[in-house]
Amino acid sequence: MDTNSDPTKVDFAIPANDDATKSIQLITNYLVEAIKEGLAERKKDKEEAETKAEADANASVETEAAGIVYRTKRDKLEVKEFN
């Protein structure tokens, strides 16, 4: 948006020369990099969540002896009786 624009018609005005290709290129490159960064963070978070879920699944072990289930999960021992 530059001086020949009405700022009341937009939510977020970016002061720049909207007729100059270099100005438009600068702004769009900034937006593209921000989107790439956000996608990379989302991918990293998803991979970390999958790794954690895998580790949790591998940490759970069940053993049945004399009608009692012993379950260890993350250094925690749960004892559950059943009939």
N, C-alpha and C. Protein backbone atom coordinates (compact mmCIF):
# COMPACT_ATOMS: atom_id res chain seq x y z
N MET A 1 0.85 -1.17 0.00
CA MET A 1 0.00 0.00 0.00
C MET A 1 0.90 1.23 0.00
N ASP A 2 0.63 2.14 -0.88
CA ASP A 2 1.37 3.40 -0.87
C ASP A 2 0.39 4.57 -0.71
N THR A 3 0.84 5.76 -0.98
CA THR A 3 0.06 6.96 -0.67
C THR A 3 -1.22 7.11 -1.49
N ASN A 4 -1.36 6.39 -2.59
CA ASN A 4 -2.58 6.53 -3.40
C ASN A 4 -3.62 5.46 -3.05
N SER A 5 -3.48 4.80 -1.90
CA SER A 5 -4.40 3.74 -1.48
C SER A 5 -5.19 4.17 -0.26
N ASP A 6 -6.33 3.54 -0.05
CA ASP A 6 -7.18 3.83 1.11
C ASP A 6 -6.92 2.76 2.18
N PRO A 7 -6.25 3.11 3.27
CA PRO A 7 -5.90 2.12 4.30
C PRO A 7 -7.10 1.59 5.09
N THR A 8 -8.26 2.22 4.97
CA THR A 8 -9.43 1.75 5.71
C THR A 8 -10.06 0.51 5.08
N LYS A 9 -9.64 0.16 3.87
CA LYS A 9 -10.22 -0.99 3.18
C LYS A 9 -9.45 -2.29 3.40
N VAL A 10 -8.36 -2.24 4.18
CA VAL A 10 -7.57 -3.44 4.43
C VAL A 10 -7.39 -3.65 5.94
N ASP A 11 -7.19 -4.90 6.33
CA ASP A 11 -6.98 -5.20 7.75
C ASP A 11 -5.55 -4.94 8.18
N PHE A 12 -4.59 -5.33 7.35
CA PHE A 12 -3.18 -5.18 7.68
C PHE A 12 -2.47 -4.50 6.52
N ALA A 13 -2.23 -3.24 6.67
CA ALA A 13 -1.56 -2.48 5.61
C ALA A 13 -0.05 -2.68 5.70
N ILE A 14 0.57 -2.92 4.56
CA ILE A 14 2.03 -3.02 4.47
C ILE A 14 2.49 -1.79 3.70
N PRO A 15 3.14 -0.87 4.39
CA PRO A 15 3.59 0.35 3.69
C PRO A 15 4.70 0.00 2.69
N ALA A 16 4.40 0.22 1.42
CA ALA A 16 5.38 -0.07 0.37
C ALA A 16 4.85 0.50 -0.94
N ASN A 17 5.70 0.48 -1.93
CA ASN A 17 5.29 0.90 -3.26
C ASN A 17 4.70 -0.31 -3.96
N ASP A 18 3.37 -0.33 -4.06
CA ASP A 18 2.71 -1.50 -4.65
C ASP A 18 2.79 -1.55 -6.17
N ASP A 19 3.44 -0.58 -6.78
CA ASP A 19 3.62 -0.58 -8.23
C ASP A 19 5.02 -1.04 -8.62
N ALA A 20 5.94 -1.13 -7.67
CA ALA A 20 7.33 -1.50 -7.98
C ALA A 20 7.51 -3.00 -7.81
N THR A 21 8.04 -3.65 -8.84
CA THR A 21 8.21 -5.11 -8.77
C THR A 21 9.20 -5.51 -7.69
N LYS A 22 10.23 -4.70 -7.46
CA LYS A 22 11.21 -5.03 -6.41
C LYS A 22 10.55 -5.01 -5.03
N SER A 23 9.68 -4.06 -4.81
CA SER A 23 8.97 -3.97 -3.53
C SER A 23 8.06 -5.18 -3.33
N ILE A 24 7.33 -5.53 -4.37
CA ILE A 24 6.44 -6.69 -4.29
C ILE A 24 7.25 -7.96 -4.09
N GLN A 25 8.37 -8.08 -4.81
CA GLN A 25 9.23 -9.27 -4.68
C GLN A 25 9.78 -9.38 -3.26
N LEU A 26 10.21 -8.28 -2.68
CA LEU A 26 10.74 -8.29 -1.31
C LEU A 26 9.70 -8.80 -0.32
N ILE A 27 8.48 -8.30 -0.43
CA ILE A 27 7.42 -8.69 0.49
C ILE A 27 7.02 -10.15 0.28
N THR A 28 6.85 -10.57 -0.96
CA THR A 28 6.44 -11.95 -1.21
C THR A 28 7.54 -12.93 -0.81
N ASN A 29 8.80 -12.58 -1.02
CA ASN A 29 9.89 -13.46 -0.57
C ASN A 29 9.87 -13.63 0.94
N TYR A 30 9.60 -12.55 1.65
CA TYR A 30 9.51 -12.60 3.11
C TYR A 30 8.37 -13.54 3.54
N LEU A 31 7.22 -13.41 2.88
CA LEU A 31 6.08 -14.27 3.21
C LEU A 31 6.37 -15.74 2.89
N VAL A 32 7.02 -16.00 1.76
CA VAL A 32 7.36 -17.38 1.38
C VAL A 32 8.29 -18.00 2.41
N GLU A 33 9.29 -17.27 2.85
CA GLU A 33 10.22 -17.79 3.86
C GLU A 33 9.52 -18.07 5.18
N ALA A 34 8.58 -17.21 5.56
CA ALA A 34 7.82 -17.42 6.80
C ALA A 34 6.96 -18.68 6.69
N ILE A 35 6.36 -18.90 5.53
CA ILE A 35 5.55 -20.11 5.32
C ILE A 35 6.43 -21.35 5.37
N LYS A 36 7.59 -21.31 4.71
CA LYS A 36 8.51 -22.45 4.73
C LYS A 36 8.94 -22.78 6.16
N GLU A 37 9.25 -21.75 6.94
CA GLU A 37 9.66 -21.95 8.33
C GLU A 37 8.53 -22.59 9.14
N GLY A 38 7.31 -22.12 8.95
CA GLY A 38 6.17 -22.69 9.66
C GLY A 38 5.93 -24.14 9.29
N LEU A 39 6.05 -24.46 8.01
CA LEU A 39 5.87 -25.85 7.57
C LEU A 39 6.95 -26.76 8.13
N ALA A 40 8.19 -26.26 8.19
CA ALA A 40 9.29 -27.05 8.74
C ALA A 40 9.06 -27.31 10.23
N GLU A 41 8.61 -26.30 10.97
CA GLU A 41 8.32 -26.48 12.39
C GLU A 41 7.20 -27.48 12.60
N ARG A 42 6.15 -27.41 11.78
CA ARG A 42 5.03 -28.34 11.90
C ARG A 42 5.49 -29.77 11.61
N LYS A 43 6.34 -29.95 10.60
CA LYS A 43 6.86 -31.27 10.27
C LYS A 43 7.71 -31.82 11.41
N LYS A 44 8.56 -30.95 12.00
CA LYS A 44 9.41 -31.37 13.11
C LYS A 44 8.56 -31.79 14.31
N ASP A 45 7.54 -31.00 14.64
CA ASP A 45 6.66 -31.33 15.76
C ASP A 45 5.93 -32.65 15.52
N LYS A 46 5.49 -32.88 14.29
CA LYS A 46 4.80 -34.13 13.96
C LYS A 46 5.74 -35.32 14.11
N GLU A 47 6.98 -35.18 13.64
CA GLU A 47 7.96 -36.26 13.76
C GLU A 47 8.29 -36.55 15.21
N GLU A 48 8.41 -35.50 16.03
CA GLU A 48 8.69 -35.69 17.45
C GLU A 48 7.53 -36.40 18.14
N ALA A 49 6.30 -36.05 17.78
CA ALA A 49 5.12 -36.70 18.37
C ALA A 49 5.06 -38.17 17.98
N GLU A 50 5.39 -38.48 16.72
CA GLU A 50 5.40 -39.87 16.27
C GLU A 50 6.48 -40.66 16.98
N THR A 51 7.66 -40.07 17.16
CA THR A 51 8.76 -40.73 17.87
C THR A 51 8.38 -41.00 19.32
N LYS A 52 7.73 -40.03 19.96
CA LYS A 52 7.30 -40.19 21.35
C LYS A 52 6.25 -41.29 21.45
N ALA A 53 5.30 -41.32 20.52
CA ALA A 53 4.27 -42.35 20.55
C ALA A 53 4.88 -43.74 20.35
N GLU A 54 5.86 -43.83 19.47
CA GLU A 54 6.56 -45.10 19.25
C GLU A 54 7.29 -45.55 20.51
N ALA A 55 7.97 -44.61 21.17
CA ALA A 55 8.70 -44.94 22.40
C ALA A 55 7.74 -45.38 23.49
N ASP A 56 6.59 -44.71 23.60
CA ASP A 56 5.59 -45.09 24.59
C ASP A 56 5.04 -46.49 24.31
N ALA A 57 4.81 -46.78 23.05
CA ALA A 57 4.29 -48.10 22.69
C ALA A 57 5.31 -49.19 23.00
N ASN A 58 6.57 -48.92 22.76
CA ASN A 58 7.62 -49.89 23.03
C ASN A 58 7.90 -50.04 24.52
N ALA A 59 7.57 -49.01 25.31
CA ALA A 59 7.85 -49.06 26.74
C ALA A 59 6.78 -49.81 27.51
N SER A 60 5.67 -50.10 26.89
CA SER A 60 4.57 -50.78 27.57
C SER A 60 4.73 -52.29 27.41
N VAL A 61 4.84 -52.99 28.52
CA VAL A 61 5.01 -54.45 28.53
C VAL A 61 4.00 -55.03 29.49
N GLU A 62 3.31 -56.09 29.08
CA GLU A 62 2.34 -56.73 29.96
C GLU A 62 2.75 -58.17 30.22
N THR A 63 2.56 -58.61 31.45
CA THR A 63 2.82 -59.99 31.83
C THR A 63 1.65 -60.47 32.67
N GLU A 64 1.15 -61.68 32.40
CA GLU A 64 0.05 -62.23 33.16
C GLU A 64 0.56 -63.38 34.02
N ALA A 65 0.28 -63.33 35.31
CA ALA A 65 0.68 -64.41 36.22
C ALA A 65 -0.35 -64.52 37.32
N ALA A 66 -0.95 -65.68 37.47
CA ALA A 66 -1.91 -65.98 38.53
C ALA A 66 -3.05 -64.97 38.58
N GLY A 67 -3.59 -64.60 37.43
CA GLY A 67 -4.74 -63.70 37.39
C GLY A 67 -4.41 -62.25 37.66
N ILE A 68 -3.15 -61.85 37.62
CA ILE A 68 -2.77 -60.46 37.85
C ILE A 68 -2.00 -59.97 36.63
N VAL A 69 -2.33 -58.80 36.17
CA VAL A 69 -1.61 -58.20 35.04
C VAL A 69 -0.64 -57.17 35.60
N TYR A 70 0.62 -57.32 35.26
CA TYR A 70 1.63 -56.34 35.64
C TYR A 70 1.97 -55.55 34.38
N ARG A 71 1.82 -54.28 34.44
CA ARG A 71 2.11 -53.45 33.28
C ARG A 71 3.14 -52.40 33.67
N THR A 72 4.24 -52.39 32.97
CA THR A 72 5.23 -51.34 33.21
C THR A 72 5.16 -50.36 32.07
N LYS A 73 5.16 -49.12 32.39
CA LYS A 73 5.12 -48.07 31.38
C LYS A 73 5.85 -46.87 31.93
N ARG A 74 6.96 -46.54 31.28
CA ARG A 74 7.75 -45.37 31.67
C ARG A 74 8.10 -45.40 33.15
N ASP A 75 8.76 -46.44 33.57
CA ASP A 75 9.23 -46.59 34.94
C ASP A 75 8.10 -46.57 35.97
N LYS A 76 6.91 -46.94 35.56
CA LYS A 76 5.77 -46.95 36.45
C LYS A 76 5.18 -48.35 36.41
N LEU A 77 4.90 -48.91 37.54
CA LEU A 77 4.35 -50.27 37.59
C LEU A 77 2.90 -50.17 38.00
N GLU A 78 2.02 -50.69 37.15
CA GLU A 78 0.60 -50.73 37.47
C GLU A 78 0.22 -52.19 37.68
N VAL A 79 -0.50 -52.47 38.75
CA VAL A 79 -0.94 -53.81 39.01
C VAL A 79 -2.47 -53.80 38.92
N LYS A 80 -2.99 -54.69 38.08
CA LYS A 80 -4.43 -54.74 37.88
C LYS A 80 -4.89 -56.17 38.04
N GLU A 81 -5.78 -56.41 38.98
CA GLU A 81 -6.30 -57.77 39.20
C GLU A 81 -7.56 -57.94 38.39
N PHE A 82 -7.75 -59.15 37.90
CA PHE A 82 -8.99 -59.47 37.21
C PHE A 82 -9.39 -60.90 37.52
N ASN A 83 -10.66 -61.19 37.37
CA ASN A 83 -11.20 -62.53 37.68
C ASN A 83 -11.48 -63.29 36.41
